[in-house]
Amino acid sequence: MTIRDATRVDLPGIVAIYNSAIPGRMATADTEAVSIESRLSWFHDHTSERRPLWVAEAMDGSIAGWLSFQSFYGRPAYHATAEVSVYVAAEHRRRGVGWELLAHGIDRAPLLGVSTLIGYIFAHNSPSLRLFERAGFQRWGHLPGVAELDGVERDLVIVGRRLTE
């Protein structure tokens, strides 16, 4: 597996992985599939120098997963904080892809001027919570009932990790 900067050619695979997570109602608050076109602006907001989008490329050339950094809260004072998202293709889950991507992000974050990483994870998404906790993230917040998926209220957990002490 190789972790590298995403290119425009990767966007269909990135979107397919994201869309495959929607029906499970565990990893995203989107309830309908997104289009490649609707993700173009999001894709172009990522830069390898500041807010990267990395893909894990499997040996067969397919995209096994992806990780993105996004600006937190959109205000200049938060420039050293990034929101991290990790998505793994169903056929590659439980094979260490998410761990490799997250470790890569943690390792590279200080080189990008990022000293704090934050993630938003549904409270019922135990696999993701375990992944982030294993990577040294702590639970920094709990927002009860802030999402509604298929008529069920869902809690959101905010996890965070300071990379410099």
C-alpha atoms as a PDB file:
ATOM      1  CA  MET A   1       0.000   0.000   0.000  1.00  0.00           C
ATOM      2  CA  THR A   2       1.216   3.482  -0.898  1.00  0.00           C
ATOM      3  CA  ILE A   3      -0.024   6.705   0.681  1.00  0.00           C
ATOM      4  CA  ARG A   4       0.184   9.692  -1.647  1.00  0.00           C
ATOM      5  CA  ASP A   5      -1.436  13.006  -2.472  1.00  0.00           C
ATOM      6  CA  ALA A   6      -4.776  12.556  -4.195  1.00  0.00           C
ATOM      7  CA  THR A   7      -5.109  13.663  -7.795  1.00  0.00           C
ATOM      8  CA  ARG A   8      -8.202  14.632  -9.751  1.00  0.00           C
ATOM      9  CA  VAL A   9      -8.152  11.143 -11.297  1.00  0.00           C
ATOM     10  CA  ASP A  10      -8.686   9.700  -7.788  1.00  0.00           C
ATOM     11  CA  LEU A  11     -11.864  11.692  -7.121  1.00  0.00           C
ATOM     12  CA  PRO A  12     -14.308   9.066  -8.463  1.00  0.00           C
ATOM     13  CA  GLY A  13     -12.745   6.455  -6.140  1.00  0.00           C
ATOM     14  CA  ILE A  14     -12.782   8.852  -3.193  1.00  0.00           C
ATOM     15  CA  VAL A  15     -16.454   9.653  -3.800  1.00  0.00           C
ATOM     16  CA  ALA A  16     -17.310   5.961  -4.225  1.00  0.00           C
ATOM     17  CA  ILE A  17     -15.734   5.140  -0.846  1.00  0.00           C
ATOM     18  CA  TYR A  18     -17.583   8.032   0.787  1.00  0.00           C
ATOM     19  CA  ASN A  19     -20.895   7.034  -0.795  1.00  0.00           C
ATOM     20  CA  SER A  20     -20.426   3.424   0.302  1.00  0.00           C
ATOM     21  CA  ALA A  21     -20.349   4.648   3.923  1.00  0.00           C
ATOM     22  CA  ILE A  22     -23.686   6.477   3.709  1.00  0.00           C
ATOM     23  CA  PRO A  23     -26.092   3.484   3.947  1.00  0.00           C
ATOM     24  CA  GLY A  24     -24.443   2.218   7.147  1.00  0.00           C
ATOM     25  CA  ARG A  25     -25.379   5.454   8.943  1.00  0.00           C
ATOM     26  CA  MET A  26     -22.196   5.313  11.038  1.00  0.00           C
ATOM     27  CA  ALA A  27     -19.586   7.448   9.319  1.00  0.00           C
ATOM     28  CA  THR A  28     -21.305  10.444   7.742  1.00  0.00           C
ATOM     29  CA  ALA A  29     -24.310  12.676   8.292  1.00  0.00           C
ATOM     30  CA  ASP A  30     -25.084  12.635   4.581  1.00  0.00           C
ATOM     31  CA  THR A  31     -28.137  10.534   3.883  1.00  0.00           C
ATOM     32  CA  GLU A  32     -28.001  10.547   0.071  1.00  0.00           C
ATOM     33  CA  ALA A  33     -25.119   9.758  -2.257  1.00  0.00           C
ATOM     34  CA  VAL A  34     -22.991  12.720  -3.336  1.00  0.00           C
ATOM     35  CA  SER A  35     -21.875  13.306  -6.907  1.00  0.00           C
ATOM     36  CA  ILE A  36     -18.337  13.749  -8.152  1.00  0.00           C
ATOM     37  CA  GLU A  37     -19.309  17.209  -9.395  1.00  0.00           C
ATOM     38  CA  SER A  38     -20.599  18.212  -5.956  1.00  0.00           C
ATOM     39  CA  ARG A  39     -17.221  17.293  -4.432  1.00  0.00           C
ATOM     40  CA  LEU A  40     -15.044  19.227  -6.910  1.00  0.00           C
ATOM     41  CA  SER A  41     -14.890  22.375  -4.779  1.00  0.00           C
ATOM     42  CA  TRP A  42     -14.100  20.279  -1.682  1.00  0.00           C
ATOM     43  CA  PHE A  43     -11.368  18.484  -3.631  1.00  0.00           C
ATOM     44  CA  HIS A  44      -9.822  21.753  -4.829  1.00  0.00           C
ATOM     45  CA  ASP A  45      -9.869  23.169  -1.276  1.00  0.00           C
ATOM     46  CA  HIS A  46      -7.178  20.633  -0.386  1.00  0.00           C
ATOM     47  CA  THR A  47      -3.517  21.454  -0.911  1.00  0.00           C
ATOM     48  CA  SER A  48      -0.513  19.278  -0.189  1.00  0.00           C
ATOM     49  CA  GLU A  49       1.179  22.236   1.546  1.00  0.00           C
ATOM     50  CA  ARG A  50      -1.552  23.022   4.074  1.00  0.00           C
ATOM     51  CA  ARG A  51      -4.744  20.919   3.974  1.00  0.00           C
ATOM     52  CA  PRO A  52      -3.909  17.652   2.222  1.00  0.00           C
ATOM     53  CA  LEU A  53      -6.062  14.902   0.831  1.00  0.00           C
ATOM     54  CA  TRP A  54      -4.168  11.610   0.822  1.00  0.00           C
ATOM     55  CA  VAL A  55      -5.175   8.290  -0.655  1.00  0.00           C
ATOM     56  CA  ALA A  56      -4.021   4.808   0.270  1.00  0.00           C
ATOM     57  CA  GLU A  57      -3.398   3.037  -3.008  1.00  0.00           C
ATOM     58  CA  ALA A  58      -3.635  -0.743  -2.915  1.00  0.00           C
ATOM     59  CA  MET A  59      -1.206  -2.974  -4.801  1.00  0.00           C
ATOM     60  CA  ASP A  60      -3.742  -3.350  -7.633  1.00  0.00           C
ATOM     61  CA  GLY A  61      -3.905   0.439  -8.075  1.00  0.00           C
ATOM     62  CA  SER A  62      -7.338   0.855  -6.500  1.00  0.00           C
ATOM     63  CA  ILE A  63      -8.019   3.404  -3.773  1.00  0.00           C
ATOM     64  CA  ALA A  64      -8.236   1.516  -0.466  1.00  0.00           C
ATOM     65  CA  GLY A  65      -9.024   4.598   1.602  1.00  0.00           C
ATOM     66  CA  TRP A  66      -8.429   8.300   2.046  1.00  0.00           C
ATOM     67  CA  LEU A  67      -7.687  10.891   4.697  1.00  0.00           C
ATOM     68  CA  SER A  68      -8.297  14.622   4.555  1.00  0.00           C
ATOM     69  CA  PHE A  69      -7.390  17.634   6.637  1.00  0.00           C
ATOM     70  CA  GLN A  70      -9.842  20.517   6.598  1.00  0.00           C
ATOM     71  CA  SER A  71      -9.601  23.900   8.232  1.00  0.00           C
ATOM     72  CA  PHE A  72     -11.311  24.064  11.599  1.00  0.00           C
ATOM     73  CA  TYR A  73     -13.976  26.709  12.021  1.00  0.00           C
ATOM     74  CA  GLY A  74     -12.672  28.904   9.197  1.00  0.00           C
ATOM     75  CA  ARG A  75     -11.141  31.631  11.345  1.00  0.00           C
ATOM     76  CA  PRO A  76      -7.453  32.670  11.198  1.00  0.00           C
ATOM     77  CA  ALA A  77      -6.789  32.001  14.894  1.00  0.00           C
ATOM     78  CA  TYR A  78      -7.433  28.301  14.258  1.00  0.00           C
ATOM     79  CA  HIS A  79      -4.804  27.996  11.501  1.00  0.00           C
ATOM     80  CA  ALA A  80      -2.841  25.336  13.462  1.00  0.00           C
ATOM     81  CA  THR A  81      -5.912  23.137  13.982  1.00  0.00           C
ATOM     82  CA  ALA A  82      -7.270  20.759  11.356  1.00  0.00           C
ATOM     83  CA  GLU A  83     -10.290  18.499  11.211  1.00  0.00           C
ATOM     84  CA  VAL A  84      -9.264  15.008  10.128  1.00  0.00           C
ATOM     85  CA  SER A  85     -11.510  12.568   8.273  1.00  0.00           C
ATOM     86  CA  VAL A  86     -10.700   8.964   7.367  1.00  0.00           C
ATOM     87  CA  TYR A  87     -12.715   6.685   5.077  1.00  0.00           C
ATOM     88  CA  VAL A  88     -11.802   3.139   4.034  1.00  0.00           C
ATOM     89  CA  ALA A  89     -13.292   1.055   1.219  1.00  0.00           C
ATOM     90  CA  ALA A  90     -15.455  -1.771   2.563  1.00  0.00           C
ATOM     91  CA  GLU A  91     -13.215  -4.491   1.089  1.00  0.00           C
ATOM     92  CA  HIS A  92     -10.162  -3.003   2.853  1.00  0.00           C
ATOM     93  CA  ARG A  93     -11.626  -2.447   6.324  1.00  0.00           C
ATOM     94  CA  ARG A  94     -10.061  -4.177   9.310  1.00  0.00           C
ATOM     95  CA  ARG A  95      -6.769  -4.535   7.400  1.00  0.00           C
ATOM     96  CA  GLY A  96      -4.912  -1.572   8.890  1.00  0.00           C
ATOM     97  CA  VAL A  97      -5.656   0.942   6.120  1.00  0.00           C
ATOM     98  CA  GLY A  98      -7.347   3.431   8.463  1.00  0.00           C
ATOM     99  CA  TRP A  99      -4.510   3.056  10.964  1.00  0.00           C
ATOM    100  CA  GLU A 100      -1.849   3.657   8.282  1.00  0.00           C
ATOM    101  CA  LEU A 101      -3.653   6.722   6.967  1.00  0.00           C
ATOM    102  CA  LEU A 102      -4.174   8.185  10.427  1.00  0.00           C
ATOM    103  CA  ALA A 103      -0.553   7.515  11.442  1.00  0.00           C
ATOM    104  CA  HIS A 104       0.582   9.187   8.210  1.00  0.00           C
ATOM    105  CA  GLY A 105      -1.553  12.229   8.974  1.00  0.00           C
ATOM    106  CA  ILE A 106      -0.294  12.504  12.546  1.00  0.00           C
ATOM    107  CA  ASP A 107       3.295  12.187  11.363  1.00  0.00           C
ATOM    108  CA  ARG A 108       2.972  14.823   8.626  1.00  0.00           C
ATOM    109  CA  ALA A 109       0.742  17.311  10.458  1.00  0.00           C
ATOM    110  CA  PRO A 110       3.552  19.267  12.175  1.00  0.00           C
ATOM    111  CA  LEU A 111       5.272  19.723   8.797  1.00  0.00           C
ATOM    112  CA  LEU A 112       2.068  21.433   7.613  1.00  0.00           C
ATOM    113  CA  GLY A 113       1.927  23.773  10.604  1.00  0.00           C
ATOM    114  CA  VAL A 114      -0.791  21.718  12.287  1.00  0.00           C
ATOM    115  CA  SER A 115      -0.416  21.211  16.022  1.00  0.00           C
ATOM    116  CA  THR A 116      -3.942  20.019  16.850  1.00  0.00           C
ATOM    117  CA  LEU A 117      -6.122  17.448  15.091  1.00  0.00           C
ATOM    118  CA  ILE A 118      -9.848  17.177  15.721  1.00  0.00           C
ATOM    119  CA  GLY A 119     -12.310  14.536  14.576  1.00  0.00           C
ATOM    120  CA  TYR A 120     -16.079  14.284  14.705  1.00  0.00           C
ATOM    121  CA  ILE A 121     -17.349  10.729  15.144  1.00  0.00           C
ATOM    122  CA  PHE A 122     -20.834   9.423  15.780  1.00  0.00           C
ATOM    123  CA  ALA A 123     -21.009   7.920  19.280  1.00  0.00           C
ATOM    124  CA  HIS A 124     -22.358   4.647  17.847  1.00  0.00           C
ATOM    125  CA  ASN A 125     -19.338   4.296  15.503  1.00  0.00           C
ATOM    126  CA  SER A 126     -17.266   2.134  17.843  1.00  0.00           C
ATOM    127  CA  PRO A 127     -14.684   1.060  15.217  1.00  0.00           C
ATOM    128  CA  SER A 128     -13.771   4.677  14.428  1.00  0.00           C
ATOM    129  CA  LEU A 129     -13.707   5.683  18.082  1.00  0.00           C
ATOM    130  CA  ARG A 130     -11.344   2.784  18.819  1.00  0.00           C
ATOM    131  CA  LEU A 131      -9.101   3.719  15.872  1.00  0.00           C
ATOM    132  CA  PHE A 132      -8.738   7.315  17.005  1.00  0.00           C
ATOM    133  CA  GLU A 133      -8.277   6.392  20.669  1.00  0.00           C
ATOM    134  CA  ARG A 134      -5.576   3.888  19.685  1.00  0.00           C
ATOM    135  CA  ALA A 135      -3.879   6.752  17.822  1.00  0.00           C
ATOM    136  CA  GLY A 136      -3.751   8.865  20.984  1.00  0.00           C
ATOM    137  CA  PHE A 137      -6.881  10.964  20.508  1.00  0.00           C
ATOM    138  CA  GLN A 138      -8.946  11.820  23.569  1.00  0.00           C
ATOM    139  CA  ARG A 139     -12.638  12.526  23.858  1.00  0.00           C
ATOM    140  CA  TRP A 140     -12.939  16.292  24.069  1.00  0.00           C
ATOM    141  CA  GLY A 141     -16.669  16.665  23.693  1.00  0.00           C
ATOM    142  CA  HIS A 142     -20.027  14.950  23.473  1.00  0.00           C
ATOM    143  CA  LEU A 143     -22.970  16.488  21.638  1.00  0.00           C
ATOM    144  CA  PRO A 144     -26.110  14.517  22.492  1.00  0.00           C
ATOM    145  CA  GLY A 145     -28.799  14.031  19.870  1.00  0.00           C
ATOM    146  CA  VAL A 146     -27.408  16.553  17.361  1.00  0.00           C
ATOM    147  CA  ALA A 147     -27.992  14.356  14.311  1.00  0.00           C
ATOM    148  CA  GLU A 148     -31.064  12.514  13.136  1.00  0.00           C
ATOM    149  CA  LEU A 149     -30.574   9.511  10.895  1.00  0.00           C
ATOM    150  CA  ASP A 150     -33.660   7.649   9.737  1.00  0.00           C
ATOM    151  CA  GLY A 151     -35.682   9.053  12.612  1.00  0.00           C
ATOM    152  CA  VAL A 152     -33.076   8.114  15.244  1.00  0.00           C
ATOM    153  CA  GLU A 153     -31.262  10.826  17.166  1.00  0.00           C
ATOM    154  CA  ARG A 154     -27.511  10.285  17.201  1.00  0.00           C
ATOM    155  CA  ASP A 155     -24.810  11.698  19.433  1.00  0.00           C
ATOM    156  CA  LEU A 156     -21.576  13.143  18.121  1.00  0.00           C
ATOM    157  CA  VAL A 157     -18.232  12.699  19.872  1.00  0.00           C
ATOM    158  CA  ILE A 158     -15.464  15.232  19.347  1.00  0.00           C
ATOM    159  CA  VAL A 159     -12.007  13.696  19.587  1.00  0.00           C
ATOM    160  CA  GLY A 160      -8.767  15.608  19.600  1.00  0.00           C
ATOM    161  CA  ARG A 161      -5.050  15.249  19.841  1.00  0.00           C
ATOM    162  CA  ARG A 162      -2.388  17.856  20.511  1.00  0.00           C
ATOM    163  CA  LEU A 163       0.719  17.037  18.501  1.00  0.00           C
ATOM    164  CA  THR A 164       3.033  19.394  20.359  1.00  0.00           C
ATOM    165  CA  GLU A 165       3.195  19.781  24.093  1.00  0.00           C
END
